[in-house]
């Protein structure tokens, strides 16, 4: 189903993706 129909999955996925973003940019100047 589309993301809009998976509210609980959305939260888990968003947390996973923000973790991946953090990992990708760790050590980049100015990035927290």
ModelCIF file with pLDDT and N, C-alpha, C, O atoms, coordinates in Angstrom:
data_MODEL
#
_entry.id   MODEL 
#
_entity.id                         1 
_entity.type                       polymer 
_entity.pdbx_number_of_molecules   1 
#
_entity_poly.entity_id                      1 
_entity_poly.type                           'polypeptide(L)' 
_entity_poly.nstd_linkage                   no 
_entity_poly.nstd_monomer                   no 
_entity_poly.pdbx_seq_one_letter_code       
;(UNK)(UNK)(UNK)(UNK)(UNK)(UNK)(UNK)(UNK)(UNK)(UNK)(UNK)(UNK)(UNK)(UNK)(UNK)(UNK)
(UNK)(UNK)(UNK)(UNK)(UNK)(UNK)(UNK)(UNK)(UNK)(UNK)(UNK)(UNK)(UNK)(UNK)(UNK)(UNK)
;
_entity_poly.pdbx_seq_one_letter_code_can   XXXXXXXXXXXXXXXXXXXXXXXXXXXXXXXX 
_entity_poly.pdbx_strand_id                 A 
#
loop_
_entity_poly_seq.entity_id 
_entity_poly_seq.num 
_entity_poly_seq.mon_id 
_entity_poly_seq.hetero 
1 1  UNK n 
1 2  UNK n 
1 3  UNK n 
1 4  UNK n 
1 5  UNK n 
1 6  UNK n 
1 7  UNK n 
1 8  UNK n 
1 9  UNK n 
1 10 UNK n 
1 11 UNK n 
1 12 UNK n 
1 13 UNK n 
1 14 UNK n 
1 15 UNK n 
1 16 UNK n 
1 17 UNK n 
1 18 UNK n 
1 19 UNK n 
1 20 UNK n 
1 21 UNK n 
1 22 UNK n 
1 23 UNK n 
1 24 UNK n 
1 25 UNK n 
1 26 UNK n 
1 27 UNK n 
1 28 UNK n 
1 29 UNK n 
1 30 UNK n 
1 31 UNK n 
1 32 UNK n 
#
_struct_asym.id          A 
_struct_asym.entity_id   1 
#
loop_
_ma_qa_metric.id 
_ma_qa_metric.mode 
_ma_qa_metric.name 
_ma_qa_metric.software_group_id 
_ma_qa_metric.type 
1 global pLDDT . pLDDT 
2 local  pLDDT . pLDDT 
#
_ma_qa_metric_global.metric_id      1 
_ma_qa_metric_global.metric_value   90.16 
_ma_qa_metric_global.model_id       1 
_ma_qa_metric_global.ordinal_id     1 
#
loop_
_ma_qa_metric_local.label_asym_id 
_ma_qa_metric_local.label_comp_id 
_ma_qa_metric_local.label_seq_id 
_ma_qa_metric_local.metric_id 
_ma_qa_metric_local.metric_value 
_ma_qa_metric_local.model_id 
_ma_qa_metric_local.ordinal_id 
A UNK 1  2 85.00 1 1  
A UNK 2  2 86.00 1 2  
A UNK 3  2 87.00 1 3  
A UNK 4  2 86.00 1 4  
A UNK 5  2 87.00 1 5  
A UNK 6  2 84.00 1 6  
A UNK 7  2 75.00 1 7  
A UNK 8  2 82.00 1 8  
A UNK 9  2 90.00 1 9  
A UNK 10 2 93.00 1 10 
A UNK 11 2 92.00 1 11 
A UNK 12 2 94.00 1 12 
A UNK 13 2 95.00 1 13 
A UNK 14 2 96.00 1 14 
A UNK 15 2 96.00 1 15 
A UNK 16 2 97.00 1 16 
A UNK 17 2 97.00 1 17 
A UNK 18 2 96.00 1 18 
A UNK 19 2 96.00 1 19 
A UNK 20 2 97.00 1 20 
A UNK 21 2 95.00 1 21 
A UNK 22 2 94.00 1 22 
A UNK 23 2 95.00 1 23 
A UNK 24 2 93.00 1 24 
A UNK 25 2 91.00 1 25 
A UNK 26 2 88.00 1 26 
A UNK 27 2 86.00 1 27 
A UNK 28 2 88.00 1 28 
A UNK 29 2 85.00 1 29 
A UNK 30 2 83.00 1 30 
A UNK 31 2 87.00 1 31 
A UNK 32 2 89.00 1 32 
#
loop_
_atom_site.group_PDB 
_atom_site.id 
_atom_site.type_symbol 
_atom_site.label_atom_id 
_atom_site.label_alt_id 
_atom_site.label_comp_id 
_atom_site.label_asym_id 
_atom_site.label_entity_id 
_atom_site.label_seq_id 
_atom_site.pdbx_PDB_ins_code 
_atom_site.Cartn_x 
_atom_site.Cartn_y 
_atom_site.Cartn_z 
_atom_site.occupancy 
_atom_site.B_iso_or_equiv 
_atom_site.pdbx_formal_charge 
_atom_site.auth_seq_id 
_atom_site.auth_comp_id 
_atom_site.auth_asym_id 
_atom_site.auth_atom_id 
_atom_site.pdbx_PDB_model_num 
ATOM 1   N N  . UNK A 1 1  ? 0.840  -1.207 0.000  1.00 85.00 ? 1  UNK A N  1 
ATOM 2   C CA . UNK A 1 1  ? 0.000  0.000  0.000  1.00 85.00 ? 1  UNK A CA 1 
ATOM 3   C C  . UNK A 1 1  ? 0.874  1.256  0.000  1.00 85.00 ? 1  UNK A C  1 
ATOM 4   O O  . UNK A 1 1  ? 2.027  1.215  0.428  1.00 85.00 ? 1  UNK A O  1 
ATOM 5   N N  . UNK A 1 2  ? 0.327  2.358  -0.476 1.00 86.00 ? 2  UNK A N  1 
ATOM 6   C CA . UNK A 1 2  ? 1.096  3.605  -0.462 1.00 86.00 ? 2  UNK A CA 1 
ATOM 7   C C  . UNK A 1 2  ? 1.436  4.017  0.974  1.00 86.00 ? 2  UNK A C  1 
ATOM 8   O O  . UNK A 1 2  ? 0.760  3.634  1.929  1.00 86.00 ? 2  UNK A O  1 
ATOM 9   N N  . UNK A 1 3  ? 2.469  4.784  1.091  1.00 87.00 ? 3  UNK A N  1 
ATOM 10  C CA . UNK A 1 3  ? 2.958  5.224  2.403  1.00 87.00 ? 3  UNK A CA 1 
ATOM 11  C C  . UNK A 1 3  ? 1.871  5.906  3.223  1.00 87.00 ? 3  UNK A C  1 
ATOM 12  O O  . UNK A 1 3  ? 1.821  5.732  4.441  1.00 87.00 ? 3  UNK A O  1 
ATOM 13  N N  . UNK A 1 4  ? 1.005  6.674  2.584  1.00 86.00 ? 4  UNK A N  1 
ATOM 14  C CA . UNK A 1 4  ? -0.045 7.400  3.306  1.00 86.00 ? 4  UNK A CA 1 
ATOM 15  C C  . UNK A 1 4  ? -1.010 6.460  4.031  1.00 86.00 ? 4  UNK A C  1 
ATOM 16  O O  . UNK A 1 4  ? -1.696 6.876  4.965  1.00 86.00 ? 4  UNK A O  1 
ATOM 17  N N  . UNK A 1 5  ? -1.065 5.194  3.605  1.00 87.00 ? 5  UNK A N  1 
ATOM 18  C CA . UNK A 1 5  ? -1.961 4.227  4.229  1.00 87.00 ? 5  UNK A CA 1 
ATOM 19  C C  . UNK A 1 5  ? -1.256 3.361  5.267  1.00 87.00 ? 5  UNK A C  1 
ATOM 20  O O  . UNK A 1 5  ? -1.830 2.386  5.752  1.00 87.00 ? 5  UNK A O  1 
ATOM 21  N N  . UNK A 1 6  ? -0.014 3.709  5.614  1.00 84.00 ? 6  UNK A N  1 
ATOM 22  C CA . UNK A 1 6  ? 0.758  2.888  6.553  1.00 84.00 ? 6  UNK A CA 1 
ATOM 23  C C  . UNK A 1 6  ? 1.355  3.771  7.646  1.00 84.00 ? 6  UNK A C  1 
ATOM 24  O O  . UNK A 1 6  ? 2.572  3.922  7.745  1.00 84.00 ? 6  UNK A O  1 
ATOM 25  N N  . UNK A 1 7  ? 0.470  4.353  8.467  1.00 75.00 ? 7  UNK A N  1 
ATOM 26  C CA . UNK A 1 7  ? 0.886  5.313  9.492  1.00 75.00 ? 7  UNK A CA 1 
ATOM 27  C C  . UNK A 1 7  ? 1.976  4.808  10.415 1.00 75.00 ? 7  UNK A C  1 
ATOM 28  O O  . UNK A 1 7  ? 2.959  5.512  10.648 1.00 75.00 ? 7  UNK A O  1 
ATOM 29  N N  . UNK A 1 8  ? 1.825  3.590  10.953 1.00 82.00 ? 8  UNK A N  1 
ATOM 30  C CA . UNK A 1 8  ? 2.841  3.060  11.866 1.00 82.00 ? 8  UNK A CA 1 
ATOM 31  C C  . UNK A 1 8  ? 4.156  2.805  11.135 1.00 82.00 ? 8  UNK A C  1 
ATOM 32  O O  . UNK A 1 8  ? 5.233  3.046  11.681 1.00 82.00 ? 8  UNK A O  1 
ATOM 33  N N  . UNK A 1 9  ? 4.065  2.315  9.894  1.00 90.00 ? 9  UNK A N  1 
ATOM 34  C CA . UNK A 1 9  ? 5.272  2.089  9.097  1.00 90.00 ? 9  UNK A CA 1 
ATOM 35  C C  . UNK A 1 9  ? 5.984  3.399  8.802  1.00 90.00 ? 9  UNK A C  1 
ATOM 36  O O  . UNK A 1 9  ? 7.213  3.450  8.744  1.00 90.00 ? 9  UNK A O  1 
ATOM 37  N N  . UNK A 1 10 ? 5.209  4.453  8.616  1.00 93.00 ? 10 UNK A N  1 
ATOM 38  C CA . UNK A 1 10 ? 5.793  5.751  8.299  1.00 93.00 ? 10 UNK A CA 1 
ATOM 39  C C  . UNK A 1 10 ? 6.755  6.201  9.400  1.00 93.00 ? 10 UNK A C  1 
ATOM 40  O O  . UNK A 1 10 ? 7.858  6.662  9.107  1.00 93.00 ? 10 UNK A O  1 
ATOM 41  N N  . UNK A 1 11 ? 6.347  6.071  10.650 1.00 92.00 ? 11 UNK A N  1 
ATOM 42  C CA . UNK A 1 11 ? 7.198  6.483  11.766 1.00 92.00 ? 11 UNK A CA 1 
ATOM 43  C C  . UNK A 1 11 ? 8.482  5.660  11.800 1.00 92.00 ? 11 UNK A C  1 
ATOM 44  O O  . UNK A 1 11 ? 9.572  6.210  11.959 1.00 92.00 ? 11 UNK A O  1 
ATOM 45  N N  . UNK A 1 12 ? 8.353  4.343  11.652 1.00 94.00 ? 12 UNK A N  1 
ATOM 46  C CA . UNK A 1 12 ? 9.535  3.477  11.654 1.00 94.00 ? 12 UNK A CA 1 
ATOM 47  C C  . UNK A 1 12 ? 10.451 3.790  10.478 1.00 94.00 ? 12 UNK A C  1 
ATOM 48  O O  . UNK A 1 12 ? 11.671 3.856  10.629 1.00 94.00 ? 12 UNK A O  1 
ATOM 49  N N  . UNK A 1 13 ? 9.865  3.980  9.329  1.00 95.00 ? 13 UNK A N  1 
ATOM 50  C CA . UNK A 1 13 ? 10.648 4.281  8.136  1.00 95.00 ? 13 UNK A CA 1 
ATOM 51  C C  . UNK A 1 13 ? 11.341 5.640  8.263  1.00 95.00 ? 13 UNK A C  1 
ATOM 52  O O  . UNK A 1 13 ? 12.513 5.775  7.910  1.00 95.00 ? 13 UNK A O  1 
ATOM 53  N N  . UNK A 1 14 ? 10.634 6.624  8.755  1.00 96.00 ? 14 UNK A N  1 
ATOM 54  C CA . UNK A 1 14 ? 11.233 7.953  8.934  1.00 96.00 ? 14 UNK A CA 1 
ATOM 55  C C  . UNK A 1 14 ? 12.419 7.881  9.899  1.00 96.00 ? 14 UNK A C  1 
ATOM 56  O O  . UNK A 1 14 ? 13.455 8.499  9.654  1.00 96.00 ? 14 UNK A O  1 
ATOM 57  N N  . UNK A 1 15 ? 12.273 7.135  10.985 1.00 96.00 ? 15 UNK A N  1 
ATOM 58  C CA . UNK A 1 15 ? 13.380 6.982  11.937 1.00 96.00 ? 15 UNK A CA 1 
ATOM 59  C C  . UNK A 1 15 ? 14.570 6.290  11.277 1.00 96.00 ? 15 UNK A C  1 
ATOM 60  O O  . UNK A 1 15 ? 15.719 6.682  11.478 1.00 96.00 ? 15 UNK A O  1 
ATOM 61  N N  . UNK A 1 16 ? 14.279 5.259  10.489 1.00 97.00 ? 16 UNK A N  1 
ATOM 62  C CA . UNK A 1 16 ? 15.350 4.552  9.778  1.00 97.00 ? 16 UNK A CA 1 
ATOM 63  C C  . UNK A 1 16 ? 16.057 5.491  8.797  1.00 97.00 ? 16 UNK A C  1 
ATOM 64  O O  . UNK A 1 16 ? 17.286 5.528  8.737  1.00 97.00 ? 16 UNK A O  1 
ATOM 65  N N  . UNK A 1 17 ? 15.273 6.242  8.037  1.00 97.00 ? 17 UNK A N  1 
ATOM 66  C CA . UNK A 1 17 ? 15.862 7.127  7.033  1.00 97.00 ? 17 UNK A CA 1 
ATOM 67  C C  . UNK A 1 17 ? 16.668 8.257  7.663  1.00 97.00 ? 17 UNK A C  1 
ATOM 68  O O  . UNK A 1 17 ? 17.713 8.636  7.134  1.00 97.00 ? 17 UNK A O  1 
ATOM 69  N N  . UNK A 1 18 ? 16.202 8.796  8.780  1.00 96.00 ? 18 UNK A N  1 
ATOM 70  C CA . UNK A 1 18 ? 16.969 9.866  9.432  1.00 96.00 ? 18 UNK A CA 1 
ATOM 71  C C  . UNK A 1 18 ? 18.273 9.290  9.975  1.00 96.00 ? 18 UNK A C  1 
ATOM 72  O O  . UNK A 1 18 ? 19.290 9.983  10.005 1.00 96.00 ? 18 UNK A O  1 
ATOM 73  N N  . UNK A 1 19 ? 18.250 8.038  10.400 1.00 96.00 ? 19 UNK A N  1 
ATOM 74  C CA . UNK A 1 19 ? 19.488 7.370  10.814 1.00 96.00 ? 19 UNK A CA 1 
ATOM 75  C C  . UNK A 1 19 ? 20.453 7.219  9.641  1.00 96.00 ? 19 UNK A C  1 
ATOM 76  O O  . UNK A 1 19 ? 21.657 7.424  9.795  1.00 96.00 ? 19 UNK A O  1 
ATOM 77  N N  . UNK A 1 20 ? 19.926 6.860  8.471  1.00 97.00 ? 20 UNK A N  1 
ATOM 78  C CA . UNK A 1 20 ? 20.766 6.724  7.283  1.00 97.00 ? 20 UNK A CA 1 
ATOM 79  C C  . UNK A 1 20 ? 21.335 8.077  6.859  1.00 97.00 ? 20 UNK A C  1 
ATOM 80  O O  . UNK A 1 20 ? 22.486 8.163  6.430  1.00 97.00 ? 20 UNK A O  1 
ATOM 81  N N  . UNK A 1 21 ? 20.534 9.122  6.978  1.00 95.00 ? 21 UNK A N  1 
ATOM 82  C CA . UNK A 1 21 ? 21.009 10.472 6.652  1.00 95.00 ? 21 UNK A CA 1 
ATOM 83  C C  . UNK A 1 21 ? 22.113 10.878 7.620  1.00 95.00 ? 21 UNK A C  1 
ATOM 84  O O  . UNK A 1 21 ? 23.137 11.420 7.204  1.00 95.00 ? 21 UNK A O  1 
ATOM 85  N N  . UNK A 1 22 ? 21.910 10.620 8.901  1.00 94.00 ? 22 UNK A N  1 
ATOM 86  C CA . UNK A 1 22 ? 22.934 10.944 9.895  1.00 94.00 ? 22 UNK A CA 1 
ATOM 87  C C  . UNK A 1 22 ? 24.240 10.205 9.586  1.00 94.00 ? 22 UNK A C  1 
ATOM 88  O O  . UNK A 1 22 ? 25.322 10.788 9.654  1.00 94.00 ? 22 UNK A O  1 
ATOM 89  N N  . UNK A 1 23 ? 24.127 8.935  9.251  1.00 95.00 ? 23 UNK A N  1 
ATOM 90  C CA . UNK A 1 23 ? 25.316 8.136  8.940  1.00 95.00 ? 23 UNK A CA 1 
ATOM 91  C C  . UNK A 1 23 ? 26.032 8.682  7.703  1.00 95.00 ? 23 UNK A C  1 
ATOM 92  O O  . UNK A 1 23 ? 27.260 8.748  7.653  1.00 95.00 ? 23 UNK A O  1 
ATOM 93  N N  . UNK A 1 24 ? 25.244 9.065  6.720  1.00 93.00 ? 24 UNK A N  1 
ATOM 94  C CA . UNK A 1 24 ? 25.817 9.575  5.461  1.00 93.00 ? 24 UNK A CA 1 
ATOM 95  C C  . UNK A 1 24 ? 26.585 10.877 5.661  1.00 93.00 ? 24 UNK A C  1 
ATOM 96  O O  . UNK A 1 24 ? 27.618 11.089 5.027  1.00 93.00 ? 24 UNK A O  1 
ATOM 97  N N  . UNK A 1 25 ? 26.088 11.751 6.540  1.00 91.00 ? 25 UNK A N  1 
ATOM 98  C CA . UNK A 1 25 ? 26.681 13.077 6.668  1.00 91.00 ? 25 UNK A CA 1 
ATOM 99  C C  . UNK A 1 25 ? 27.511 13.268 7.935  1.00 91.00 ? 25 UNK A C  1 
ATOM 100 O O  . UNK A 1 25 ? 27.978 14.375 8.199  1.00 91.00 ? 25 UNK A O  1 
ATOM 101 N N  . UNK A 1 26 ? 27.701 12.209 8.722  1.00 88.00 ? 26 UNK A N  1 
ATOM 102 C CA . UNK A 1 26 ? 28.527 12.332 9.917  1.00 88.00 ? 26 UNK A CA 1 
ATOM 103 C C  . UNK A 1 26 ? 29.927 12.805 9.504  1.00 88.00 ? 26 UNK A C  1 
ATOM 104 O O  . UNK A 1 26 ? 30.509 12.295 8.547  1.00 88.00 ? 26 UNK A O  1 
ATOM 105 N N  . UNK A 1 27 ? 30.435 13.755 10.217 1.00 86.00 ? 27 UNK A N  1 
ATOM 106 C CA . UNK A 1 27 ? 31.758 14.284 9.896  1.00 86.00 ? 27 UNK A CA 1 
ATOM 107 C C  . UNK A 1 27 ? 31.744 15.415 8.889  1.00 86.00 ? 27 UNK A C  1 
ATOM 108 O O  . UNK A 1 27 ? 32.780 16.035 8.649  1.00 86.00 ? 27 UNK A O  1 
ATOM 109 N N  . UNK A 1 28 ? 30.592 15.700 8.292  1.00 88.00 ? 28 UNK A N  1 
ATOM 110 C CA . UNK A 1 28 ? 30.492 16.821 7.364  1.00 88.00 ? 28 UNK A CA 1 
ATOM 111 C C  . UNK A 1 28 ? 30.477 18.111 8.172  1.00 88.00 ? 28 UNK A C  1 
ATOM 112 O O  . UNK A 1 28 ? 29.749 18.224 9.159  1.00 88.00 ? 28 UNK A O  1 
ATOM 113 N N  . UNK A 1 29 ? 31.265 19.064 7.761  1.00 85.00 ? 29 UNK A N  1 
ATOM 114 C CA . UNK A 1 29 ? 31.386 20.337 8.490  1.00 85.00 ? 29 UNK A CA 1 
ATOM 115 C C  . UNK A 1 29 ? 30.011 20.983 8.683  1.00 85.00 ? 29 UNK A C  1 
ATOM 116 O O  . UNK A 1 29 ? 29.259 21.168 7.726  1.00 85.00 ? 29 UNK A O  1 
ATOM 117 N N  . UNK A 1 30 ? 29.700 21.317 9.920  1.00 83.00 ? 30 UNK A N  1 
ATOM 118 C CA . UNK A 1 30 ? 28.466 22.007 10.244 1.00 83.00 ? 30 UNK A CA 1 
ATOM 119 C C  . UNK A 1 30 ? 27.245 21.106 10.408 1.00 83.00 ? 30 UNK A C  1 
ATOM 120 O O  . UNK A 1 30 ? 26.173 21.581 10.782 1.00 83.00 ? 30 UNK A O  1 
ATOM 121 N N  . UNK A 1 31 ? 27.395 19.821 10.135 1.00 87.00 ? 31 UNK A N  1 
ATOM 122 C CA . UNK A 1 31 ? 26.233 18.925 10.246 1.00 87.00 ? 31 UNK A CA 1 
ATOM 123 C C  . UNK A 1 31 ? 26.159 18.331 11.641 1.00 87.00 ? 31 UNK A C  1 
ATOM 124 O O  . UNK A 1 31 ? 27.134 17.773 12.143 1.00 87.00 ? 31 UNK A O  1 
ATOM 125 N N  . UNK A 1 32 ? 25.007 18.455 12.256 1.00 89.00 ? 32 UNK A N  1 
ATOM 126 C CA . UNK A 1 32 ? 24.733 17.792 13.530 1.00 89.00 ? 32 UNK A CA 1 
ATOM 127 C C  . UNK A 1 32 ? 23.754 16.657 13.275 1.00 89.00 ? 32 UNK A C  1 
ATOM 128 O O  . UNK A 1 32 ? 23.372 15.950 14.208 1.00 89.00 ? 32 UNK A O  1 
#
